[in-house]
Protein backbone atom coordinates (compact mmCIF):
# COMPACT_ATOMS: atom_id res chain seq x y z
CA MET A 1 32.78 15.17 95.38
CA ILE A 2 29.28 13.77 95.74
CA PRO A 3 27.19 13.74 92.54
CA ASP A 4 24.20 16.12 92.71
CA SER A 5 21.67 13.30 92.28
CA LEU A 6 23.14 11.39 95.25
CA ARG A 7 23.36 14.61 97.31
CA GLN A 8 19.62 15.20 96.73
CA LEU A 9 18.79 11.69 97.94
CA LEU A 10 20.95 12.08 101.06
CA ASP A 11 19.43 15.49 101.84
CA ALA A 12 15.93 13.97 101.59
CA THR A 13 16.88 11.14 103.98
CA GLN A 14 16.18 11.30 107.70
CA GLY A 15 17.70 8.33 109.48
CA GLN A 16 18.10 5.40 107.10
CA ARG A 17 16.35 4.11 103.98
CA ASP A 18 16.82 2.05 100.83
CA ALA A 19 16.70 3.90 97.51
CA GLU A 20 17.68 3.51 93.87
CA TRP A 21 20.49 5.63 92.44
CA GLN A 22 21.85 5.27 88.89
CA GLY A 23 20.24 1.84 88.55
CA ARG A 24 21.70 0.57 91.84
CA ARG A 25 20.01 -0.25 95.12
CA VAL A 26 21.66 1.82 97.83
CA LEU A 27 21.38 2.14 101.59
CA LEU A 28 21.33 5.81 102.62
CA ILE A 29 22.01 6.98 106.16
CA ASN A 30 21.76 10.59 107.29
CA ALA A 31 22.42 10.83 111.03
CA ASP A 32 23.95 13.14 113.64
CA TRP A 33 27.36 11.51 113.13
CA GLY A 34 27.31 12.12 109.34
CA GLU A 35 26.12 10.59 106.06
CA LEU A 36 26.74 7.23 104.41
CA ALA A 37 25.71 5.76 101.06
CA VAL A 38 26.40 2.06 100.42
CA SER A 39 25.60 0.17 97.23
CA LEU A 40 23.66 -3.00 98.07
CA GLN A 41 24.91 -4.57 94.85
CA GLY A 42 28.49 -5.47 95.63
CA ALA A 43 28.50 -3.67 99.01
CA ARG A 44 30.49 -0.68 97.76
CA CYS A 45 30.67 2.47 99.81
CA CYS A 46 29.52 5.25 97.47
CA THR A 47 30.27 8.07 99.92
CA ILE A 48 30.81 8.75 103.59
CA CYS A 49 30.81 12.21 105.11
CA LEU A 50 31.39 12.40 108.86
CA ALA A 51 30.07 15.37 110.78
CA ALA A 52 32.55 17.65 112.50
CA PRO A 53 33.01 16.66 116.15
CA LYS A 54 31.06 18.75 118.61
CA PRO A 55 33.22 20.65 121.12
CA SER A 56 33.34 19.00 124.52
CA LYS A 57 32.13 20.88 127.56
CA PRO A 58 34.73 21.58 130.28
């Protein structure tokens, strides 16, 4: 489960950006392939949420 405060930051992100969350510097990525939040202090992955694969065309 993603905390609401982190969810709001990810929703407000288009592409990639640095932000501060709970006193930590984080790298936020919101792209077609999904979402990623990485703490830049200790390089911890806070969350990753991959998008569902798109159906292939025959």
